C-alpha atoms as a PDB file:
ATOM      1  CA  UNK A   1      35.252 -27.862 -10.801  1.00  0.00           C
ATOM      2  CA  UNK A   2      31.725 -26.720 -10.899  1.00  0.00           C
ATOM      3  CA  UNK A   3      29.990 -26.389 -14.223  1.00  0.00           C
ATOM      4  CA  UNK A   4      27.053 -24.361 -15.439  1.00  0.00           C
ATOM      5  CA  UNK A   5      24.767 -27.230 -14.482  1.00  0.00           C
ATOM      6  CA  UNK A   6      25.629 -26.825 -10.779  1.00  0.00           C
ATOM      7  CA  UNK A   7      24.211 -23.299 -10.566  1.00  0.00           C
ATOM      8  CA  UNK A   8      21.136 -23.070  -8.335  1.00  0.00           C
ATOM      9  CA  UNK A   9      18.321 -20.783  -9.533  1.00  0.00           C
ATOM     10  CA  UNK A  10      17.088 -20.337  -5.927  1.00  0.00           C
ATOM     11  CA  UNK A  11      20.065 -18.103  -5.219  1.00  0.00           C
ATOM     12  CA  UNK A  12      18.785 -15.539  -7.727  1.00  0.00           C
ATOM     13  CA  UNK A  13      15.490 -15.278  -5.808  1.00  0.00           C
ATOM     14  CA  UNK A  14      17.388 -14.197  -2.689  1.00  0.00           C
ATOM     15  CA  UNK A  15      19.042 -11.310  -4.486  1.00  0.00           C
ATOM     16  CA  UNK A  16      16.044 -10.072  -6.450  1.00  0.00           C
ATOM     17  CA  UNK A  17      14.191  -8.059  -3.748  1.00  0.00           C
ATOM     18  CA  UNK A  18      17.431  -6.286  -2.859  1.00  0.00           C
ATOM     19  CA  UNK A  19      18.013  -5.428  -6.506  1.00  0.00           C
ATOM     20  CA  UNK A  20      14.398  -4.269  -7.015  1.00  0.00           C
ATOM     21  CA  UNK A  21      14.558  -1.955  -4.003  1.00  0.00           C
ATOM     22  CA  UNK A  22      18.108  -0.817  -4.818  1.00  0.00           C
ATOM     23  CA  UNK A  23      19.098  -1.598  -1.239  1.00  0.00           C
ATOM     24  CA  UNK A  24      16.702   0.891   0.361  1.00  0.00           C
ATOM     25  CA  UNK A  25      15.255   0.177   3.790  1.00  0.00           C
ATOM     26  CA  UNK A  26      11.653  -0.126   4.906  1.00  0.00           C
ATOM     27  CA  UNK A  27       9.701   3.073   5.597  1.00  0.00           C
ATOM     28  CA  UNK A  28       8.126   3.727   8.992  1.00  0.00           C
ATOM     29  CA  UNK A  29       4.909   1.864   9.760  1.00  0.00           C
ATOM     30  CA  UNK A  30       3.203   5.213  10.378  1.00  0.00           C
ATOM     31  CA  UNK A  31       4.134   6.379   6.884  1.00  0.00           C
ATOM     32  CA  UNK A  32       2.893   3.294   5.023  1.00  0.00           C
ATOM     33  CA  UNK A  33       0.836   0.882   7.071  1.00  0.00           C
ATOM     34  CA  UNK A  34      -1.097  -1.985   5.500  1.00  0.00           C
ATOM     35  CA  UNK A  35      -4.274   0.086   5.336  1.00  0.00           C
ATOM     36  CA  UNK A  36      -2.795   3.381   4.112  1.00  0.00           C
ATOM     37  CA  UNK A  37      -4.579   4.421   0.927  1.00  0.00           C
ATOM     38  CA  UNK A  38      -2.397   5.270  -2.084  1.00  0.00           C
ATOM     39  CA  UNK A  39      -3.189   6.803  -5.490  1.00  0.00           C
ATOM     40  CA  UNK A  40      -1.228   8.349  -8.348  1.00  0.00           C
ATOM     41  CA  UNK A  41      -0.779  12.099  -8.153  1.00  0.00           C
ATOM     42  CA  UNK A  42      -3.141  14.178 -10.276  1.00  0.00           C
ATOM     43  CA  UNK A  43      -0.344  15.775 -12.302  1.00  0.00           C
ATOM     44  CA  UNK A  44       0.111  13.428 -15.273  1.00  0.00           C
ATOM     45  CA  UNK A  45       2.863  15.631 -16.763  1.00  0.00           C
ATOM     46  CA  UNK A  46       4.972  14.770 -13.749  1.00  0.00           C
ATOM     47  CA  UNK A  47       4.971  11.088 -14.692  1.00  0.00           C
ATOM     48  CA  UNK A  48       8.555   9.830 -14.816  1.00  0.00           C
ATOM     49  CA  UNK A  49      10.060   8.359 -17.929  1.00  0.00           C
ATOM     50  CA  UNK A  50      12.643   6.154 -16.245  1.00  0.00           C
ATOM     51  CA  UNK A  51      11.163   3.721 -13.795  1.00  0.00           C
ATOM     52  CA  UNK A  52      11.877   0.105 -13.126  1.00  0.00           C
ATOM     53  CA  UNK A  53       9.212  -2.285 -14.428  1.00  0.00           C
ATOM     54  CA  UNK A  54       8.056  -2.890 -10.854  1.00  0.00           C
ATOM     55  CA  UNK A  55       7.721   0.832 -10.116  1.00  0.00           C
ATOM     56  CA  UNK A  56       5.852   1.380 -13.381  1.00  0.00           C
ATOM     57  CA  UNK A  57       3.497  -1.483 -12.518  1.00  0.00           C
ATOM     58  CA  UNK A  58       2.783   0.025  -9.081  1.00  0.00           C
ATOM     59  CA  UNK A  59       2.173   3.441 -10.605  1.00  0.00           C
ATOM     60  CA  UNK A  60      -0.235   1.937 -13.143  1.00  0.00           C
ATOM     61  CA  UNK A  61      -2.101   0.117 -10.355  1.00  0.00           C
ATOM     62  CA  UNK A  62      -2.390   3.324  -8.344  1.00  0.00           C
ATOM     63  CA  UNK A  63      -3.669   5.294 -11.348  1.00  0.00           C
ATOM     64  CA  UNK A  64      -7.064   3.578 -11.119  1.00  0.00           C
ATOM     65  CA  UNK A  65      -7.906   5.163  -7.751  1.00  0.00           C
ATOM     66  CA  UNK A  66      -7.192   4.676  -4.082  1.00  0.00           C
ATOM     67  CA  UNK A  67      -5.901   1.245  -3.070  1.00  0.00           C
ATOM     68  CA  UNK A  68      -4.531   0.123   0.260  1.00  0.00           C
ATOM     69  CA  UNK A  69      -0.901  -0.923   0.516  1.00  0.00           C
ATOM     70  CA  UNK A  70      -2.040  -4.514   1.147  1.00  0.00           C
ATOM     71  CA  UNK A  71      -4.210  -4.485  -1.998  1.00  0.00           C
ATOM     72  CA  UNK A  72      -1.342  -3.134  -4.082  1.00  0.00           C
ATOM     73  CA  UNK A  73       0.958  -5.896  -2.791  1.00  0.00           C
ATOM     74  CA  UNK A  74      -1.670  -8.498  -3.658  1.00  0.00           C
ATOM     75  CA  UNK A  75      -2.232  -7.209  -7.179  1.00  0.00           C
ATOM     76  CA  UNK A  76       1.472  -6.792  -7.932  1.00  0.00           C
ATOM     77  CA  UNK A  77       2.488 -10.261  -6.634  1.00  0.00           C
ATOM     78  CA  UNK A  78       5.509  -8.672  -4.946  1.00  0.00           C
ATOM     79  CA  UNK A  79       6.466  -9.128  -1.282  1.00  0.00           C
ATOM     80  CA  UNK A  80       4.864  -6.559   1.010  1.00  0.00           C
ATOM     81  CA  UNK A  81       8.201  -5.135   2.153  1.00  0.00           C
ATOM     82  CA  UNK A  82       9.313  -4.568  -1.436  1.00  0.00           C
ATOM     83  CA  UNK A  83       6.016  -2.859  -2.259  1.00  0.00           C
ATOM     84  CA  UNK A  84       6.290  -0.568   0.776  1.00  0.00           C
ATOM     85  CA  UNK A  85       9.842   0.441  -0.190  1.00  0.00           C
ATOM     86  CA  UNK A  86       8.905   1.141  -3.827  1.00  0.00           C
ATOM     87  CA  UNK A  87       5.783   3.089  -2.807  1.00  0.00           C
ATOM     88  CA  UNK A  88       7.834   5.192  -0.387  1.00  0.00           C
ATOM     89  CA  UNK A  89      10.288   5.960  -3.180  1.00  0.00           C
ATOM     90  CA  UNK A  90       7.484   6.966  -5.548  1.00  0.00           C
ATOM     91  CA  UNK A  91       5.943   9.134  -2.803  1.00  0.00           C
ATOM     92  CA  UNK A  92       9.252  10.922  -2.235  1.00  0.00           C
ATOM     93  CA  UNK A  93       9.401  11.647  -5.966  1.00  0.00           C
ATOM     94  CA  UNK A  94       5.915  13.172  -5.822  1.00  0.00           C
ATOM     95  CA  UNK A  95       4.345  10.541  -8.064  1.00  0.00           C
ATOM     96  CA  UNK A  96       1.976   9.143  -5.442  1.00  0.00           C
ATOM     97  CA  UNK A  97      -0.397  10.648  -2.919  1.00  0.00           C
ATOM     98  CA  UNK A  98      -1.383   8.932   0.305  1.00  0.00           C
ATOM     99  CA  UNK A  99      -4.404   9.325   2.506  1.00  0.00           C
ATOM    100  CA  UNK A 100      -4.380   8.049   6.059  1.00  0.00           C
ATOM    101  CA  UNK A 101      -6.965   5.395   6.793  1.00  0.00           C
ATOM    102  CA  UNK A 102     -10.297   6.520   8.145  1.00  0.00           C
ATOM    103  CA  UNK A 103     -10.254   6.527  11.919  1.00  0.00           C
ATOM    104  CA  UNK A 104     -12.513   4.084  13.679  1.00  0.00           C
ATOM    105  CA  UNK A 105     -15.835   5.495  14.729  1.00  0.00           C
ATOM    106  CA  UNK A 106     -16.328   6.013  18.421  1.00  0.00           C
ATOM    107  CA  UNK A 107     -18.682   3.492  19.950  1.00  0.00           C
ATOM    108  CA  UNK A 108     -22.087   4.879  20.848  1.00  0.00           C
ATOM    109  CA  UNK A 109     -22.933   5.294  24.501  1.00  0.00           C
ATOM    110  CA  UNK A 110     -25.231   2.512  25.704  1.00  0.00           C
ATOM    111  CA  UNK A 111     -27.348   4.921  27.769  1.00  0.00           C
ATOM    112  CA  UNK A 112     -28.045   7.154  24.755  1.00  0.00           C
ATOM    113  CA  UNK A 113     -29.080   4.156  22.664  1.00  0.00           C
ATOM    114  CA  UNK A 114     -31.438   3.003  25.423  1.00  0.00           C
ATOM    115  CA  UNK A 115     -32.993   6.493  25.637  1.00  0.00           C
ATOM    116  CA  UNK A 116     -33.534   6.542  21.865  1.00  0.00           C
ATOM    117  CA  UNK A 117     -35.080   3.065  21.981  1.00  0.00           C
ATOM    118  CA  UNK A 118     -37.373   4.074  24.852  1.00  0.00           C
ATOM    119  CA  UNK A 119     -38.398   7.229  22.986  1.00  0.00           C
ATOM    120  CA  UNK A 120     -39.220   5.224  19.842  1.00  0.00           C
ATOM    121  CA  UNK A 121     -41.241   2.726  21.881  1.00  0.00           C
ATOM    122  CA  UNK A 122     -43.166   5.543  23.549  1.00  0.00           C
ATOM    123  CA  UNK A 123     -43.938   7.225  20.229  1.00  0.00           C
ATOM    124  CA  UNK A 124     -44.694   4.173  18.071  1.00  0.00           C
ATOM    125  CA  UNK A 125     -45.803   1.637  20.620  1.00  0.00           C
END
């Protein structure tokens, strides 16, 4: 017979993320990438009354301003996949707003830069 002393606490850690996410799957990478910026929606009256402690924590973190998904995962000390699932759920409920990351700037043409440099040298010596 196995007693109470034989129970392994590591088994609870395997179940926890599934319980936190209520079995939901990961959102698309395009929807919530690591660098997607997230903030709480402006409508404070819309704030839900029944959230899990983890969802409430994420909503409080996002209330301070825009944070990336990676930053939110770091501050919350939750696994990234769990954070992405909870953020997607809060977005679907209208509690969060996302902004796509700023696109990378196009590299300047080398010829144009050389022309500018030559013009500056001609004007200022």
